[in-house]
Amino acid sequence: MNEKELQELKEKVVEAMRKCYDPEIPVNIYDLGLIYETNIEPSGFVHVKMTLTAPGCPAAGSLPGEVEDRIRVLPSVTDVKVEVIWDPPWTKDMMSEAAKLQLG
């Protein structure tokens, strides 16, 4: 995959992650700031580092799998690894301006 194709795939990956929502907050996980890092290799392997709003989050068991499922079906994606990390801990400061406005 060349640089242009990698950039296009990254945009599609972000779009897919924006379709995932924390069940307790009506904002997508990307704009909530739960996605810390997204790396895409030329082979089509996608590695996402994400967190959750809290270690006891009810979505802890399902949200990472949903992110993986939404990315895995994209054309050019050969494999996906979603890694949940807790450092740095998530805070409301990590939300996009749009998310902050939406939540008031």
Protein backbone atom coordinates (compact mmCIF):
# COMPACT_ATOMS: atom_id res chain seq x y z
CA MET A 1 0.00 0.00 0.00
CA ASN A 2 1.37 3.43 -0.88
CA GLU A 3 1.12 6.57 1.29
CA LYS A 4 -2.07 7.78 -0.41
CA GLU A 5 -3.77 4.41 0.08
CA LEU A 6 -2.64 4.30 3.73
CA GLN A 7 -4.07 7.79 4.33
CA GLU A 8 -7.38 6.83 2.66
CA LEU A 9 -7.58 3.67 4.78
CA LYS A 10 -6.82 5.64 7.95
CA GLU A 11 -9.73 7.98 7.12
CA LYS A 12 -12.02 4.96 6.68
CA VAL A 13 -10.80 3.48 9.98
CA VAL A 14 -11.56 6.76 11.79
CA GLU A 15 -14.98 6.88 10.13
CA ALA A 16 -15.66 3.31 11.33
CA MET A 17 -14.60 4.18 14.89
CA ARG A 18 -16.92 7.19 14.83
CA LYS A 19 -19.81 4.71 14.47
CA CYS A 20 -19.01 3.20 17.89
CA TYR A 21 -20.62 4.75 20.95
CA ASP A 22 -20.07 4.42 24.65
CA PRO A 23 -23.51 3.17 25.80
CA GLU A 24 -23.64 5.69 28.65
CA ILE A 25 -22.60 8.79 26.67
CA PRO A 26 -24.28 9.90 23.40
CA VAL A 27 -20.96 10.75 21.70
CA ASN A 28 -18.85 8.46 19.52
CA ILE A 29 -15.70 6.99 21.04
CA TYR A 30 -13.38 8.83 18.65
CA ASP A 31 -14.68 12.28 19.59
CA LEU A 32 -14.80 11.23 23.25
CA GLY A 33 -11.03 10.85 23.05
CA LEU A 34 -11.03 7.13 23.81
CA ILE A 35 -8.83 6.34 20.79
CA TYR A 36 -5.23 7.07 21.73
CA GLU A 37 -3.39 5.75 18.70
CA THR A 38 -4.12 4.20 15.31
CA ASN A 39 -1.31 2.61 13.30
CA ILE A 40 -1.78 1.09 9.88
CA GLU A 41 0.96 -0.95 8.28
CA PRO A 42 1.40 -1.18 4.49
CA SER A 43 0.29 -4.84 4.79
CA GLY A 44 -3.17 -3.68 5.93
CA PHE A 45 -2.65 -4.57 9.61
CA VAL A 46 -4.42 -2.04 11.87
CA HIS A 47 -3.37 -1.59 15.50
CA VAL A 48 -5.59 0.60 17.70
CA LYS A 49 -4.75 1.67 21.24
CA MET A 50 -7.83 2.79 23.10
CA THR A 51 -9.10 3.31 26.60
CA LEU A 52 -12.47 3.41 28.29
CA THR A 53 -13.99 6.13 30.44
CA ALA A 54 -13.34 4.03 33.56
CA PRO A 55 -11.94 0.55 34.35
CA GLY A 56 -15.39 -0.54 35.54
CA CYS A 57 -17.10 0.73 32.39
CA PRO A 58 -20.01 -1.58 31.46
CA ALA A 59 -18.82 -1.52 27.83
CA ALA A 60 -15.38 -2.89 28.73
CA GLY A 61 -16.32 -6.34 27.47
CA SER A 62 -18.01 -5.28 24.25
CA LEU A 63 -16.62 -1.97 22.99
CA PRO A 64 -13.12 -3.15 21.96
CA GLY A 65 -14.69 -6.03 20.02
CA GLU A 66 -17.12 -3.68 18.30
CA VAL A 67 -14.23 -1.42 17.25
CA GLU A 68 -12.36 -4.45 15.89
CA ASP A 69 -15.42 -5.75 14.02
CA ARG A 70 -16.10 -2.38 12.36
CA ILE A 71 -12.49 -2.05 11.19
CA ARG A 72 -12.04 -5.68 10.11
CA VAL A 73 -14.72 -5.43 7.39
CA LEU A 74 -13.06 -2.48 5.64
CA PRO A 75 -11.47 -3.19 2.26
CA SER A 76 -7.65 -3.49 2.42
CA VAL A 77 -7.65 -4.40 6.14
CA THR A 78 -5.87 -7.73 6.59
CA ASP A 79 -5.95 -7.94 10.40
CA VAL A 80 -6.86 -5.83 13.42
CA LYS A 81 -5.62 -5.64 17.00
CA VAL A 82 -7.47 -3.43 19.48
CA GLU A 83 -5.48 -2.94 22.65
CA VAL A 84 -7.12 -1.43 25.73
CA ILE A 85 -4.69 0.67 27.75
CA TRP A 86 -5.22 2.65 30.95
CA ASP A 87 -2.26 5.01 30.85
CA PRO A 88 -2.83 7.87 30.58
CA PRO A 89 -6.23 7.66 32.26
CA TRP A 90 -9.08 9.18 30.24
CA THR A 91 -10.36 12.61 31.30
CA LYS A 92 -13.02 14.91 29.85
CA ASP A 93 -10.18 17.13 28.57
CA MET A 94 -9.50 14.49 25.90
CA MET A 95 -12.87 15.08 24.20
CA SER A 96 -13.07 17.00 20.94
CA GLU A 97 -14.62 20.47 21.02
CA ALA A 98 -17.67 19.06 19.20
CA ALA A 99 -18.12 16.40 21.89
CA LYS A 100 -17.79 18.97 24.67
CA LEU A 101 -20.42 21.14 23.00
CA GLN A 102 -22.73 18.17 22.48
CA LEU A 103 -22.53 17.21 26.14
CA GLY A 104 -22.81 20.81 27.32
